N, C-alpha and C. Protein backbone atom coordinates (compact mmCIF):
# COMPACT_ATOMS: atom_id res chain seq x y z
N MET A 1 13.10 4.25 -14.53
CA MET A 1 13.08 4.11 -13.05
C MET A 1 14.12 5.04 -12.55
N SER A 2 13.74 5.87 -11.50
CA SER A 2 14.71 6.76 -10.96
C SER A 2 15.43 6.07 -9.71
N PRO A 3 16.74 6.38 -9.68
CA PRO A 3 17.46 5.66 -8.54
C PRO A 3 17.01 6.10 -7.18
N SER A 4 16.44 7.25 -7.04
CA SER A 4 16.00 7.75 -5.77
C SER A 4 14.57 7.36 -5.40
N GLY A 5 13.86 6.75 -6.38
CA GLY A 5 12.49 6.30 -6.08
C GLY A 5 11.51 7.45 -5.92
N HIS A 6 11.51 8.37 -6.88
CA HIS A 6 10.60 9.49 -6.78
C HIS A 6 9.15 9.03 -6.79
N ALA A 7 8.33 9.77 -6.03
CA ALA A 7 6.89 9.44 -6.11
C ALA A 7 6.23 9.94 -7.42
N ILE A 8 5.41 9.25 -7.94
CA ILE A 8 4.66 9.52 -9.21
C ILE A 8 3.58 10.52 -8.87
N TRP A 9 2.88 10.45 -7.73
CA TRP A 9 1.89 11.45 -7.33
C TRP A 9 2.04 11.57 -5.92
N HIS A 10 1.55 12.78 -5.35
CA HIS A 10 1.64 13.16 -3.92
C HIS A 10 0.23 13.13 -3.41
N ASP A 11 -0.19 11.98 -3.01
CA ASP A 11 -1.49 11.85 -2.30
C ASP A 11 -1.56 10.36 -1.81
N ASP A 12 -2.38 10.08 -0.75
CA ASP A 12 -2.54 8.72 -0.23
C ASP A 12 -3.36 7.94 -1.18
N PRO A 13 -3.02 6.79 -1.59
CA PRO A 13 -1.76 6.07 -1.40
C PRO A 13 -0.72 6.72 -2.35
N VAL A 14 0.49 6.40 -2.16
CA VAL A 14 1.66 6.94 -2.90
C VAL A 14 2.21 5.84 -3.78
N LEU A 15 2.49 6.15 -4.97
CA LEU A 15 3.11 5.18 -5.88
C LEU A 15 4.58 5.61 -6.27
N PHE A 16 5.53 4.77 -5.98
CA PHE A 16 6.89 4.96 -6.27
C PHE A 16 7.28 4.12 -7.56
N ASP A 17 8.17 4.67 -8.33
CA ASP A 17 8.56 3.98 -9.50
C ASP A 17 9.80 3.13 -9.34
N SER A 18 10.11 2.78 -8.10
CA SER A 18 11.23 1.95 -7.81
C SER A 18 11.13 1.43 -6.33
N THR A 19 11.72 0.24 -6.16
CA THR A 19 11.74 -0.28 -4.73
C THR A 19 12.90 0.39 -3.89
N THR A 20 13.76 1.14 -4.67
CA THR A 20 14.85 1.81 -3.98
C THR A 20 14.29 3.26 -3.73
N ILE A 21 13.90 3.54 -2.44
CA ILE A 21 13.26 4.77 -2.20
C ILE A 21 14.15 5.40 -1.16
N ASP A 22 14.59 6.69 -1.48
CA ASP A 22 15.43 7.36 -0.45
C ASP A 22 14.48 8.03 0.59
N LEU A 23 15.04 8.38 1.72
CA LEU A 23 14.17 8.89 2.79
C LEU A 23 13.60 10.25 2.47
N ASP A 24 14.39 11.08 1.72
CA ASP A 24 13.80 12.38 1.30
C ASP A 24 12.62 12.18 0.43
N ALA A 25 12.56 11.23 -0.55
CA ALA A 25 11.50 11.01 -1.37
C ALA A 25 10.26 10.44 -0.59
N PHE A 26 10.55 9.61 0.42
CA PHE A 26 9.52 9.10 1.34
C PHE A 26 8.93 10.17 2.13
N THR A 27 9.68 11.09 2.73
CA THR A 27 9.19 12.18 3.48
C THR A 27 8.37 13.14 2.63
N ALA A 28 8.86 13.49 1.41
CA ALA A 28 8.12 14.38 0.49
C ALA A 28 6.78 13.73 0.11
N ALA A 29 6.72 12.47 -0.12
CA ALA A 29 5.56 11.84 -0.57
C ALA A 29 4.47 11.50 0.53
N THR A 30 4.96 11.15 1.73
CA THR A 30 4.08 10.77 2.80
C THR A 30 3.89 11.76 3.89
N GLY A 31 4.79 12.73 4.03
CA GLY A 31 4.70 13.70 5.05
C GLY A 31 5.36 13.26 6.39
N TRP A 32 5.85 11.99 6.47
CA TRP A 32 6.51 11.43 7.66
C TRP A 32 8.01 11.76 7.52
N GLN A 33 8.51 12.45 8.55
CA GLN A 33 9.91 12.86 8.63
C GLN A 33 10.66 11.85 9.45
N ILE A 34 11.83 11.42 8.98
CA ILE A 34 12.57 10.45 9.84
C ILE A 34 13.55 11.25 10.67
N LYS A 35 13.37 11.18 11.96
CA LYS A 35 14.19 11.90 12.93
C LYS A 35 14.86 10.91 13.88
N PRO A 36 15.80 11.42 14.67
CA PRO A 36 16.45 10.49 15.67
C PRO A 36 15.47 9.77 16.55
N GLU A 37 14.32 10.40 16.90
CA GLU A 37 13.43 9.78 17.82
C GLU A 37 12.37 8.83 17.07
N GLY A 38 12.44 8.85 15.77
CA GLY A 38 11.60 7.99 14.97
C GLY A 38 10.92 8.71 13.77
N ALA A 39 9.86 8.06 13.30
CA ALA A 39 9.12 8.72 12.18
C ALA A 39 8.09 9.65 12.83
N CYS A 40 8.13 10.96 12.35
CA CYS A 40 7.22 11.93 12.93
C CYS A 40 6.39 12.64 11.87
N LYS A 41 5.15 12.95 12.32
CA LYS A 41 4.28 13.68 11.41
C LYS A 41 3.32 14.43 12.36
N GLY A 42 3.28 15.73 12.26
CA GLY A 42 2.54 16.53 13.15
C GLY A 42 2.98 16.33 14.56
N GLY A 43 2.13 16.06 15.47
CA GLY A 43 2.60 15.79 16.91
C GLY A 43 2.78 14.37 17.25
N ILE A 44 2.87 13.56 16.23
CA ILE A 44 3.00 12.01 16.45
C ILE A 44 4.38 11.58 16.04
N CYS A 45 5.11 10.83 16.95
CA CYS A 45 6.35 10.25 16.61
C CYS A 45 6.25 8.81 16.93
N VAL A 46 6.67 7.87 15.97
CA VAL A 46 6.62 6.52 16.17
C VAL A 46 8.11 5.98 16.15
N PRO A 47 8.54 5.39 17.35
CA PRO A 47 9.85 4.89 17.42
C PRO A 47 10.22 3.81 16.35
N LEU A 48 11.43 3.93 15.76
CA LEU A 48 11.82 3.01 14.71
C LEU A 48 12.97 2.07 15.00
N GLY A 49 13.74 2.33 16.11
CA GLY A 49 14.93 1.62 16.35
C GLY A 49 15.94 2.01 15.26
N THR A 50 16.82 1.09 14.85
CA THR A 50 17.89 1.45 13.97
C THR A 50 17.53 1.27 12.45
N ASP A 51 16.37 0.68 12.13
CA ASP A 51 16.02 0.46 10.71
C ASP A 51 15.43 1.70 10.15
N ARG A 52 16.05 2.15 9.11
CA ARG A 52 15.64 3.38 8.47
C ARG A 52 15.24 3.19 6.97
N ASP A 53 15.16 1.90 6.60
CA ASP A 53 14.71 1.60 5.18
C ASP A 53 13.24 2.04 4.99
N PRO A 54 12.98 2.85 4.04
CA PRO A 54 11.63 3.43 3.85
C PRO A 54 10.53 2.43 3.77
N LEU A 55 10.76 1.27 3.17
CA LEU A 55 9.68 0.27 3.10
C LEU A 55 9.44 -0.34 4.50
N SER A 56 10.52 -0.54 5.27
CA SER A 56 10.38 -1.07 6.62
C SER A 56 9.69 -0.02 7.44
N VAL A 57 10.05 1.34 7.29
CA VAL A 57 9.40 2.39 8.04
C VAL A 57 7.92 2.33 7.74
N ALA A 58 7.56 2.23 6.44
CA ALA A 58 6.15 2.24 6.06
C ALA A 58 5.36 1.11 6.72
N GLU A 59 5.96 -0.05 6.82
CA GLU A 59 5.31 -1.16 7.46
C GLU A 59 5.14 -0.88 8.98
N ARG A 60 6.25 -0.29 9.53
CA ARG A 60 6.12 0.00 10.99
C ARG A 60 5.03 1.06 11.32
N LEU A 61 4.72 1.86 10.36
CA LEU A 61 3.68 2.85 10.48
C LEU A 61 2.30 2.34 10.18
N GLY A 62 2.25 1.03 9.83
CA GLY A 62 0.96 0.41 9.54
C GLY A 62 0.49 0.63 8.17
N MET A 63 1.39 1.11 7.29
CA MET A 63 1.03 1.40 5.87
C MET A 63 1.08 0.13 5.11
N ALA A 64 0.06 -0.08 4.25
CA ALA A 64 0.12 -1.21 3.37
C ALA A 64 1.12 -0.96 2.30
N VAL A 65 2.03 -1.97 2.08
CA VAL A 65 2.98 -1.83 1.04
C VAL A 65 2.85 -2.99 -0.02
N VAL A 66 2.62 -2.55 -1.28
CA VAL A 66 2.39 -3.49 -2.28
C VAL A 66 3.39 -3.23 -3.43
N THR A 67 4.17 -4.37 -3.83
CA THR A 67 5.13 -4.23 -4.84
C THR A 67 4.77 -5.01 -6.09
N ASP A 68 4.91 -4.36 -7.26
CA ASP A 68 4.62 -4.99 -8.55
C ASP A 68 5.92 -5.39 -9.08
N ASP A 69 6.27 -6.68 -9.02
CA ASP A 69 7.56 -7.22 -9.49
C ASP A 69 7.83 -6.98 -10.99
N ALA A 70 6.67 -6.98 -11.80
CA ALA A 70 6.80 -6.83 -13.18
C ALA A 70 7.24 -5.47 -13.55
N THR A 71 6.73 -4.37 -12.88
CA THR A 71 7.09 -3.00 -13.22
C THR A 71 8.10 -2.40 -12.29
N GLY A 72 8.26 -2.96 -11.10
CA GLY A 72 9.19 -2.45 -10.08
C GLY A 72 8.50 -1.28 -9.28
N ASN A 73 7.23 -1.01 -9.53
CA ASN A 73 6.46 0.00 -8.81
C ASN A 73 6.15 -0.49 -7.39
N VAL A 74 6.13 0.50 -6.44
CA VAL A 74 5.77 0.23 -5.07
C VAL A 74 4.57 1.19 -4.69
N ALA A 75 3.49 0.65 -4.18
CA ALA A 75 2.38 1.52 -3.73
C ALA A 75 2.44 1.47 -2.12
N ILE A 76 2.30 2.56 -1.51
CA ILE A 76 2.34 2.66 -0.09
C ILE A 76 1.08 3.35 0.34
N GLY A 77 0.28 2.70 1.19
CA GLY A 77 -0.97 3.25 1.61
C GLY A 77 -0.82 4.20 2.82
N PRO A 78 -1.87 4.78 3.26
CA PRO A 78 -1.79 5.64 4.39
C PRO A 78 -1.46 4.92 5.65
N ALA A 79 -0.98 5.68 6.71
CA ALA A 79 -0.68 5.07 7.98
C ALA A 79 -2.00 4.62 8.69
N SER A 80 -1.89 3.50 9.31
CA SER A 80 -3.11 3.06 10.04
C SER A 80 -2.63 2.47 11.42
N PHE A 81 -2.98 3.27 12.44
CA PHE A 81 -2.56 2.88 13.80
C PHE A 81 -3.74 2.05 14.43
N SER A 82 -4.86 2.00 13.75
CA SER A 82 -5.97 1.28 14.31
C SER A 82 -6.00 -0.16 14.01
N GLY A 83 -5.09 -0.61 13.14
CA GLY A 83 -5.06 -2.00 12.78
C GLY A 83 -6.04 -2.41 11.62
N HIS A 84 -6.62 -1.33 10.99
CA HIS A 84 -7.53 -1.62 9.97
C HIS A 84 -7.06 -1.64 8.60
N ALA A 85 -5.72 -1.55 8.50
CA ALA A 85 -5.08 -1.67 7.13
C ALA A 85 -5.20 -3.06 6.52
N LEU A 86 -5.20 -3.12 5.19
CA LEU A 86 -5.18 -4.45 4.62
C LEU A 86 -3.92 -5.13 4.81
N ASP A 87 -3.94 -6.37 5.13
CA ASP A 87 -2.78 -7.21 5.31
C ASP A 87 -2.11 -7.58 3.95
N SER A 88 -2.92 -7.54 2.92
CA SER A 88 -2.42 -7.88 1.58
C SER A 88 -3.36 -7.29 0.50
N ALA A 89 -2.96 -7.36 -0.78
CA ALA A 89 -3.83 -6.91 -1.80
C ALA A 89 -4.61 -8.06 -2.39
N GLU A 90 -4.68 -9.16 -1.66
CA GLU A 90 -5.43 -10.32 -2.19
C GLU A 90 -6.84 -10.35 -1.65
N ALA A 91 -7.82 -10.51 -2.49
CA ALA A 91 -9.16 -10.56 -2.01
C ALA A 91 -9.54 -11.94 -1.61
N PRO A 92 -10.44 -12.09 -0.61
CA PRO A 92 -10.92 -13.45 -0.27
C PRO A 92 -11.58 -14.09 -1.44
N ASP A 93 -11.65 -15.43 -1.38
CA ASP A 93 -12.39 -16.15 -2.46
C ASP A 93 -13.84 -15.98 -2.34
N VAL A 94 -14.46 -15.17 -3.00
CA VAL A 94 -15.91 -14.87 -2.95
C VAL A 94 -16.50 -15.73 -4.03
N VAL A 95 -17.67 -16.39 -3.66
CA VAL A 95 -18.41 -17.22 -4.65
C VAL A 95 -19.83 -16.51 -4.76
N LEU A 96 -20.14 -16.19 -6.02
CA LEU A 96 -21.40 -15.57 -6.28
C LEU A 96 -22.11 -16.35 -7.44
N HIS A 97 -23.29 -16.00 -7.73
CA HIS A 97 -24.02 -16.65 -8.89
C HIS A 97 -24.09 -15.69 -10.05
N ASP A 98 -23.88 -16.24 -11.27
CA ASP A 98 -24.05 -15.38 -12.46
C ASP A 98 -25.55 -15.23 -12.78
N LEU A 99 -25.82 -14.64 -13.96
CA LEU A 99 -27.24 -14.45 -14.37
C LEU A 99 -28.00 -15.71 -14.62
N ASP A 100 -27.25 -16.77 -14.91
CA ASP A 100 -27.87 -18.07 -15.20
C ASP A 100 -27.96 -18.99 -13.96
N GLY A 101 -27.49 -18.49 -12.80
CA GLY A 101 -27.54 -19.26 -11.60
C GLY A 101 -26.31 -20.09 -11.27
N ASN A 102 -25.36 -20.02 -12.18
CA ASN A 102 -24.11 -20.83 -11.99
C ASN A 102 -23.17 -20.11 -10.94
N GLU A 103 -22.61 -20.93 -10.17
CA GLU A 103 -21.61 -20.38 -9.17
C GLU A 103 -20.30 -19.93 -9.87
N VAL A 104 -19.84 -18.80 -9.54
CA VAL A 104 -18.64 -18.21 -10.04
C VAL A 104 -17.71 -17.80 -8.93
N ALA A 105 -16.50 -18.39 -8.81
CA ALA A 105 -15.64 -18.15 -7.69
C ALA A 105 -14.62 -17.07 -8.20
N LEU A 106 -14.24 -16.17 -7.30
CA LEU A 106 -13.31 -15.11 -7.64
C LEU A 106 -11.93 -15.84 -8.02
N SER A 107 -11.62 -16.91 -7.32
CA SER A 107 -10.37 -17.67 -7.52
C SER A 107 -10.25 -18.20 -8.99
N GLN A 108 -11.30 -18.38 -9.66
CA GLN A 108 -11.28 -18.75 -11.10
C GLN A 108 -10.56 -17.81 -11.96
N PHE A 109 -10.36 -16.52 -11.49
CA PHE A 109 -9.79 -15.49 -12.29
C PHE A 109 -8.38 -15.12 -11.67
N HIS A 110 -7.81 -16.05 -11.03
CA HIS A 110 -6.51 -15.76 -10.34
C HIS A 110 -5.48 -15.33 -11.47
N GLY A 111 -4.72 -14.25 -11.19
CA GLY A 111 -3.79 -13.74 -12.20
C GLY A 111 -4.33 -12.79 -13.18
N GLU A 112 -5.63 -12.62 -13.24
CA GLU A 112 -6.37 -11.72 -14.18
C GLU A 112 -6.81 -10.52 -13.39
N LYS A 113 -6.97 -9.46 -14.03
CA LYS A 113 -7.56 -8.26 -13.49
C LYS A 113 -9.03 -8.42 -13.47
N VAL A 114 -9.65 -8.13 -12.34
CA VAL A 114 -11.16 -8.33 -12.14
C VAL A 114 -11.73 -7.05 -11.62
N VAL A 115 -12.89 -6.65 -12.16
CA VAL A 115 -13.57 -5.49 -11.61
C VAL A 115 -14.86 -6.08 -10.99
N ILE A 116 -15.11 -5.78 -9.74
CA ILE A 116 -16.33 -6.21 -9.06
C ILE A 116 -17.13 -4.98 -8.86
N VAL A 117 -18.40 -5.03 -9.37
CA VAL A 117 -19.39 -3.94 -9.26
C VAL A 117 -20.46 -4.45 -8.34
N SER A 118 -20.70 -3.72 -7.26
CA SER A 118 -21.77 -4.08 -6.32
C SER A 118 -22.80 -2.98 -6.16
N TRP A 119 -23.99 -3.30 -5.70
CA TRP A 119 -25.01 -2.30 -5.53
C TRP A 119 -25.86 -2.69 -4.28
N ALA A 120 -26.22 -1.73 -3.60
CA ALA A 120 -27.12 -1.93 -2.42
C ALA A 120 -28.32 -0.93 -2.53
N PRO A 121 -29.47 -1.45 -2.16
CA PRO A 121 -30.68 -0.64 -2.26
C PRO A 121 -30.88 0.35 -1.21
N TYR A 122 -29.95 0.62 -0.38
CA TYR A 122 -30.12 1.69 0.68
C TYR A 122 -29.27 2.82 0.56
């Protein structure tokens, strides 16, 4: 783990290898510069107040922030000013039928990795 929280790749979403992220690493990874007037990218500036913690800045920009406590990794999604960002990384409890007609709830697999494959005929 790097003390400055370097980004592992440079694309949306961004994955950091530490919850301790410095502002330079945040700017390099997301393109958002922290200036006195706020977080700025292109012609957009979002006021931040006095809080300059990168994870708080990400949340202020409407970016989804997900932390993996086991690894210390942090994923930051793209900015969303439309309010269409995910509130969490938790899926709703979907109940479907298996090939034998038995109901299977997504909640049955809590704590496990699950792949959901869907298909639509259009």
